[in-house]
Amino acid sequence: MVVGLIGVWLGTRLAKTRRIRQLQGLQKINQSRQDKKEQSKQKILELFDKKDKITNHDVRDALKVSDATATNYLDELEKEGKITQHGGSKKDTFYTLKA
């Protein structure tokens, strides 16, 4: 009976350790993704060193990302108050640095 209890205790302990390691691995992956996103947003801001206004197309070309990813980065920068969106339709939309 004691052996059975020890086995249950060890199994529970190992499962908990495994879950902790999995969570730590996920945290590292999430941090890496967040770091990459911040680096990409910084590169977008650096585009303004060369141009007064940029488009989604400029971001896609510079970062080699999809249209949706470029749009997400630009939306985040706008929400952070770093850039301003201009234009009414997708074709004539451009962005400028916030003054």
Protein backbone atom coordinates (compact mmCIF):
# COMPACT_ATOMS: atom_id res chain seq x y z
CA MET A 1 0.00 0.00 0.00
CA VAL A 2 2.82 2.39 0.83
CA VAL A 3 4.43 1.65 -2.53
CA GLY A 4 1.15 2.54 -4.27
CA LEU A 5 0.91 5.87 -2.43
CA ILE A 6 4.51 6.70 -3.28
CA GLY A 7 3.78 5.86 -6.93
CA VAL A 8 0.75 8.16 -6.98
CA TRP A 9 2.72 10.94 -5.28
CA LEU A 10 5.61 10.60 -7.73
CA GLY A 11 3.25 10.53 -10.73
CA THR A 12 1.49 13.67 -9.55
CA ARG A 13 4.81 15.39 -8.90
CA LEU A 14 6.17 14.49 -12.35
CA ALA A 15 2.99 15.68 -14.08
CA LYS A 16 3.18 19.01 -12.25
CA THR A 17 6.84 19.43 -13.19
CA ARG A 18 6.01 18.66 -16.82
CA ARG A 19 3.20 21.25 -16.86
CA ILE A 20 5.51 23.88 -15.37
CA ARG A 21 8.14 23.21 -18.06
CA GLN A 22 5.50 23.41 -20.79
CA LEU A 23 4.29 26.76 -19.45
CA GLN A 24 7.84 28.08 -19.27
CA GLY A 25 8.39 27.00 -22.88
CA LEU A 26 5.21 28.79 -23.97
CA GLN A 27 6.28 31.93 -22.12
CA LYS A 28 9.61 31.92 -23.98
CA ILE A 29 7.83 31.47 -27.32
CA ASN A 30 5.39 34.29 -26.54
CA GLN A 31 8.22 36.59 -25.44
CA SER A 32 10.12 35.82 -28.64
CA ARG A 33 7.05 36.66 -30.73
CA GLN A 34 6.51 39.89 -28.80
CA ASP A 35 10.17 40.86 -29.27
CA LYS A 36 9.93 40.22 -33.01
CA LYS A 37 6.76 42.31 -33.24
CA GLU A 38 8.38 45.21 -31.40
CA GLN A 39 11.44 45.02 -33.68
CA SER A 40 9.18 45.07 -36.72
CA LYS A 41 7.27 48.09 -35.43
CA GLN A 42 10.59 49.85 -34.80
CA LYS A 43 11.63 49.14 -38.41
CA ILE A 44 8.36 50.69 -39.57
CA LEU A 45 9.12 53.84 -37.60
CA GLU A 46 12.58 53.89 -39.17
CA LEU A 47 10.96 53.97 -42.62
CA PHE A 48 9.96 57.53 -41.80
CA ASP A 49 13.65 58.48 -41.82
CA LYS A 50 13.52 58.03 -45.60
CA LYS A 51 9.93 59.01 -46.38
CA ASP A 52 7.41 61.51 -45.02
CA LYS A 53 4.56 59.08 -45.55
CA ILE A 54 4.37 55.33 -45.88
CA THR A 55 1.79 52.84 -47.10
CA ASN A 56 0.87 49.30 -46.23
CA HIS A 57 2.74 48.29 -49.38
CA ASP A 58 5.93 49.98 -48.09
CA VAL A 59 5.68 47.98 -44.86
CA ARG A 60 5.03 44.70 -46.68
CA ASP A 61 8.09 45.24 -48.87
CA ALA A 62 10.39 46.37 -46.06
CA LEU A 63 9.46 43.60 -43.63
CA LYS A 64 8.55 40.85 -46.09
CA VAL A 65 5.21 40.26 -44.35
CA SER A 66 1.64 39.73 -45.50
CA ASP A 67 -0.88 42.49 -46.06
CA ALA A 68 -2.73 41.50 -42.88
CA THR A 69 0.44 41.56 -40.76
CA ALA A 70 1.44 44.96 -42.13
CA THR A 71 -2.05 46.27 -41.37
CA ASN A 72 -1.89 44.89 -37.82
CA TYR A 73 1.48 46.55 -37.16
CA LEU A 74 0.26 49.87 -38.55
CA ASP A 75 -2.95 49.67 -36.51
CA GLU A 76 -0.95 49.02 -33.34
CA LEU A 77 1.37 51.96 -34.01
CA GLU A 78 -1.66 54.16 -34.60
CA LYS A 79 -3.30 53.01 -31.33
CA GLU A 80 -0.01 53.73 -29.53
CA GLY A 81 -0.22 57.28 -30.85
CA LYS A 82 2.99 57.06 -32.87
CA ILE A 83 1.53 57.40 -36.38
CA THR A 84 -1.57 58.86 -38.01
CA GLN A 85 -3.63 57.23 -40.74
CA HIS A 86 -4.81 59.35 -43.68
CA GLY A 87 -7.13 58.53 -46.56
CA GLY A 88 -10.55 57.03 -46.91
CA SER A 89 -10.15 53.88 -48.93
CA LYS A 90 -7.58 51.14 -48.78
CA LYS A 91 -5.98 52.23 -52.05
CA ASP A 92 -5.26 55.80 -50.99
CA THR A 93 -4.45 55.18 -47.31
CA PHE A 94 -1.07 56.33 -46.05
CA TYR A 95 0.52 56.99 -42.67
CA THR A 96 2.59 59.81 -41.21
CA LEU A 97 4.53 60.18 -37.99
CA LYS A 98 2.52 61.87 -35.30
CA ALA A 99 3.85 65.33 -34.62
